[in-house]
Amino acid sequence: MSLFSTPQSSSADWIFAHCDGGSRGNPGPSGFGAVITDVAGTSLAELSEFLGIRTNNYAEYSGLLAVLEWALKNGHPRLKVVSDSELMVKQIQGKYKVNSPDLKPLWQTARDRIAKLDAFEITHALRHKNKAADALANQAMDRGMRRTSDRELPGARSQSGPSIEVGSRPRPAVIEPVEPKAYPSAPTMLRGFTRNGAIHLLGGATLPDGIFVKIIRE
């Protein structure tokens, strides 16, 4: 679905981007990925960034914004984007309203950047047609979760209430097994955070069922 394009633009003038974003927990550790190519399929750029604790939709918009910023900074005024986020695509196309107060500023920033291009198109594709961007998004989440396994996630703010808002989460907890001798193979200290009464460990760590833990607020 085309937002706009100029009749005089040739196919050789266009660049193409596949972008994707994800969140492990929604909200949870999140990231985006994007692959940008020219008309011949030659790779121009691969974008990938960890975003901290964000929602899935926030991550999807962040991928689009990164692609738009790259196109503008590198002198590519004609851009075609493919995303597997039907919500974001239809919001950008004007088919869906943007009701979320967290997404509206991102939507507006995207529209402002699109307005600076000579031509722009965005289409929705199923996830299996967006594998390269999806892989980069997952790599960003993997990197970020490893990097923050022993410190607070970037961009996160402490929160006194039980609910989680975009860009915030409870402060991380240090989880120490009370009976480490019963599980000698487990590490003596794990790190994570609590959400809605549940413990979420960083770095993909797990604990056996029935183990007692001590939560230390940092």
Protein backbone atom coordinates (compact mmCIF):
# COMPACT_ATOMS: atom_id res chain seq x y z
CA MET A 1 0.00 0.00 0.00
CA SER A 2 1.61 3.22 -1.14
CA LEU A 3 1.48 6.33 1.00
CA PHE A 4 2.84 8.49 -1.76
CA SER A 5 5.25 8.35 -4.65
CA THR A 6 6.41 10.70 -7.36
CA PRO A 7 5.66 9.71 -10.98
CA GLN A 8 9.11 10.71 -12.17
CA SER A 9 10.97 8.35 -9.81
CA SER A 10 12.57 5.33 -11.47
CA SER A 11 12.86 1.89 -9.90
CA ALA A 12 16.63 2.35 -9.59
CA ASP A 13 16.10 5.26 -7.20
CA TRP A 14 14.34 3.18 -4.55
CA ILE A 15 15.85 1.41 -1.57
CA PHE A 16 14.10 -1.41 0.28
CA ALA A 17 13.93 -2.21 3.98
CA HIS A 18 12.61 -5.12 6.02
CA CYS A 19 12.17 -4.14 9.67
CA ASP A 20 11.00 -6.01 12.75
CA GLY A 21 10.75 -5.53 16.50
CA GLY A 22 10.09 -7.83 19.41
CA SER A 23 9.65 -7.99 23.17
CA ARG A 24 10.17 -10.98 25.43
CA GLY A 25 7.40 -10.45 27.93
CA ASN A 26 5.50 -7.54 26.33
CA PRO A 27 6.66 -5.45 28.06
CA GLY A 28 10.02 -7.08 28.51
CA PRO A 29 13.56 -7.04 27.08
CA SER A 30 13.06 -5.77 23.54
CA GLY A 31 14.93 -4.89 20.37
CA PHE A 32 14.56 -4.22 16.67
CA GLY A 33 16.32 -5.29 13.50
CA ALA A 34 16.29 -4.06 9.92
CA VAL A 35 17.89 -4.98 6.62
CA ILE A 36 18.23 -2.30 3.92
CA THR A 37 19.06 -3.13 0.29
CA ASP A 38 19.15 -1.44 -3.09
CA VAL A 39 17.01 -2.44 -6.06
CA ALA A 40 19.51 -5.17 -7.01
CA GLY A 41 19.30 -6.73 -3.56
CA THR A 42 22.75 -5.56 -2.48
CA SER A 43 22.91 -4.98 1.25
CA LEU A 44 23.30 -1.33 2.21
CA ALA A 45 22.89 -1.62 5.98
CA GLU A 46 21.87 -3.90 8.83
CA LEU A 47 20.40 -2.16 11.87
CA SER A 48 19.98 -3.83 15.25
CA GLU A 49 19.49 -2.29 18.70
CA PHE A 50 18.48 -3.36 22.19
CA LEU A 51 15.78 -1.08 23.63
CA GLY A 52 15.48 -2.14 27.27
CA ILE A 53 12.09 -2.97 28.77
CA ARG A 54 9.55 -2.04 26.10
CA THR A 55 6.42 -3.39 24.44
CA ASN A 56 6.27 -5.29 21.17
CA ASN A 57 4.60 -2.39 19.35
CA TYR A 58 7.17 0.08 20.68
CA ALA A 59 9.92 -2.13 19.26
CA GLU A 60 8.17 -2.39 15.87
CA TYR A 61 7.91 1.40 15.62
CA SER A 62 11.54 1.78 16.71
CA GLY A 63 12.61 -0.40 13.78
CA LEU A 64 10.66 1.75 11.32
CA LEU A 65 12.04 4.97 12.82
CA ALA A 66 15.60 3.65 12.53
CA VAL A 67 15.09 2.81 8.86
CA LEU A 68 13.60 6.23 8.12
CA GLU A 69 16.46 7.97 9.92
CA TRP A 70 19.05 5.93 8.01
CA ALA A 71 17.42 6.71 4.65
CA LEU A 72 17.30 10.44 5.36
CA LYS A 73 20.86 10.65 6.71
CA ASN A 74 22.31 8.69 3.80
CA GLY A 75 20.55 10.53 0.99
CA HIS A 76 17.96 7.95 -0.08
CA PRO A 77 14.69 9.85 -0.61
CA ARG A 78 12.66 6.93 -1.99
CA LEU A 79 11.98 4.11 0.44
CA LYS A 80 9.86 0.95 0.45
CA VAL A 81 9.39 -0.78 3.81
CA VAL A 82 8.13 -4.26 4.65
CA SER A 83 7.04 -5.10 8.21
CA ASP A 84 5.20 -8.02 9.78
CA SER A 85 3.41 -5.67 12.21
CA GLU A 86 -0.06 -5.27 10.73
CA LEU A 87 -0.97 -2.76 13.43
CA MET A 88 1.95 -0.45 12.70
CA VAL A 89 1.58 -0.72 8.93
CA LYS A 90 -2.12 0.14 8.99
CA GLN A 91 -1.57 2.96 11.46
CA ILE A 92 1.08 4.48 9.21
CA GLN A 93 -1.24 4.04 6.23
CA GLY A 94 -4.02 5.80 8.11
CA LYS A 95 -6.32 2.77 8.17
CA TYR A 96 -6.12 2.33 11.95
CA LYS A 97 -6.31 5.04 14.59
CA VAL A 98 -3.44 5.42 17.05
CA ASN A 99 -5.10 5.30 20.46
CA SER A 100 -2.09 4.33 22.59
CA PRO A 101 -0.47 7.35 24.30
CA ASP A 102 2.84 5.47 24.16
CA LEU A 103 2.70 4.89 20.41
CA LYS A 104 1.28 8.23 19.29
CA PRO A 105 4.59 10.16 19.60
CA LEU A 106 6.36 7.39 17.67
CA TRP A 107 3.68 7.45 14.98
CA GLN A 108 3.98 11.23 14.69
CA THR A 109 7.77 11.08 14.44
CA ALA A 110 7.48 8.44 11.72
CA ARG A 111 4.99 10.57 9.76
CA ASP A 112 7.26 13.61 10.09
CA ARG A 113 10.22 11.67 8.71
CA ILE A 114 8.13 10.18 5.92
CA ALA A 115 7.11 13.69 4.90
CA LYS A 116 10.77 14.52 4.26
CA LEU A 117 11.07 11.74 1.66
CA ASP A 118 10.23 12.11 -2.02
CA ALA A 119 8.41 8.79 -2.07
CA PHE A 120 7.46 6.16 0.48
CA GLU A 121 5.62 2.85 0.54
CA ILE A 122 4.96 0.43 3.39
CA THR A 123 3.46 -3.06 3.16
CA HIS A 124 2.61 -5.84 5.57
CA ALA A 125 4.13 -9.30 5.20
CA LEU A 126 3.85 -12.45 7.26
CA ARG A 127 6.73 -13.19 9.62
CA HIS A 128 8.23 -15.96 7.49
CA LYS A 129 8.85 -13.34 4.79
CA ASN A 130 10.66 -11.11 7.25
CA LYS A 131 13.19 -13.60 8.62
CA ALA A 132 16.36 -11.54 8.26
CA ALA A 133 14.96 -8.56 10.19
CA ASP A 134 13.45 -10.90 12.80
CA ALA A 135 16.84 -12.55 13.32
CA LEU A 136 18.52 -9.16 13.85
CA ALA A 137 15.84 -8.15 16.36
CA ASN A 138 16.41 -11.36 18.32
CA GLN A 139 20.18 -10.83 18.20
CA ALA A 140 19.64 -7.36 19.69
CA MET A 141 17.56 -8.83 22.53
CA ASP A 142 20.14 -11.56 23.14
CA ARG A 143 22.98 -9.02 23.31
CA GLY A 144 21.06 -6.71 25.59
CA MET A 145 19.99 -9.42 27.99
CA ARG A 146 23.57 -10.70 28.31
CA ARG A 147 24.95 -7.18 28.73
CA THR A 148 22.47 -6.31 31.47
CA SER A 149 22.56 -9.63 33.32
CA ASP A 150 24.41 -7.93 36.20
CA ARG A 151 22.94 -4.41 36.08
CA GLU A 152 19.70 -2.56 35.49
CA LEU A 153 18.35 -2.54 31.94
CA PRO A 154 18.94 0.74 30.05
CA GLY A 155 16.08 3.20 29.96
CA ALA A 156 14.24 1.53 32.83
CA ARG A 157 12.77 3.52 35.71
CA SER A 158 11.80 2.29 39.17
CA GLN A 159 8.09 2.02 39.81
CA SER A 160 6.19 1.75 43.07
CA GLY A 161 2.91 0.38 41.70
CA PRO A 162 2.29 -3.21 40.60
CA SER A 163 1.60 -2.42 36.92
CA ILE A 164 4.24 -2.11 34.22
CA GLU A 165 4.26 0.83 31.81
CA VAL A 166 6.25 1.13 28.62
CA GLY A 167 9.81 2.12 29.44
CA SER A 168 9.60 1.18 33.13
CA ARG A 169 9.72 -1.85 35.39
CA PRO A 170 10.28 -2.71 39.04
CA ARG A 171 13.85 -2.55 40.20
CA PRO A 172 15.78 -5.78 39.58
CA ALA A 173 15.90 -8.42 42.25
CA VAL A 174 18.87 -10.50 43.30
CA ILE A 175 17.62 -14.07 43.71
CA GLU A 176 19.58 -16.30 46.05
CA PRO A 177 18.57 -19.96 46.54
CA VAL A 178 18.02 -20.54 50.25
CA GLU A 179 19.04 -24.18 49.96
CA PRO A 180 21.93 -24.22 47.48
CA LYS A 181 23.15 -27.61 48.72
CA ALA A 182 19.99 -29.26 47.38
CA TYR A 183 20.86 -28.01 43.90
CA PRO A 184 24.65 -28.01 43.63
CA SER A 185 24.62 -27.34 39.89
CA ALA A 186 22.68 -24.08 40.26
CA PRO A 187 24.59 -20.77 40.56
CA THR A 188 24.75 -19.25 44.04
CA MET A 189 23.22 -16.00 42.84
CA LEU A 190 20.89 -15.16 39.97
CA ARG A 191 19.54 -11.81 38.90
CA GLY A 192 16.10 -10.89 37.69
CA PHE A 193 13.06 -8.75 38.36
CA THR A 194 9.52 -9.22 39.59
CA ARG A 195 6.39 -8.45 37.58
CA ASN A 196 2.79 -9.06 38.64
CA GLY A 197 3.94 -11.28 41.48
CA ALA A 198 6.16 -13.49 39.29
CA ILE A 199 9.96 -13.73 39.20
CA HIS A 200 11.62 -13.28 35.78
CA LEU A 201 15.27 -14.27 35.57
CA LEU A 202 17.68 -12.48 33.24
CA GLY A 203 19.84 -14.30 30.75
CA GLY A 204 17.38 -17.17 30.26
CA ALA A 205 18.23 -18.75 33.64
CA THR A 206 15.74 -21.13 35.25
CA LEU A 207 15.14 -22.65 38.69
CA PRO A 208 13.72 -26.08 39.53
CA ASP A 209 10.13 -26.24 40.76
CA GLY A 210 9.71 -25.99 44.52
CA ILE A 211 12.95 -24.15 45.29
CA PHE A 212 12.87 -21.39 47.93
CA VAL A 213 14.39 -18.05 46.99
CA LYS A 214 15.23 -14.82 48.80
CA ILE A 215 14.39 -11.54 47.04
CA ILE A 216 16.71 -8.59 47.73
CA ARG A 217 15.57 -5.18 46.46
CA GLU A 218 18.49 -3.26 44.99
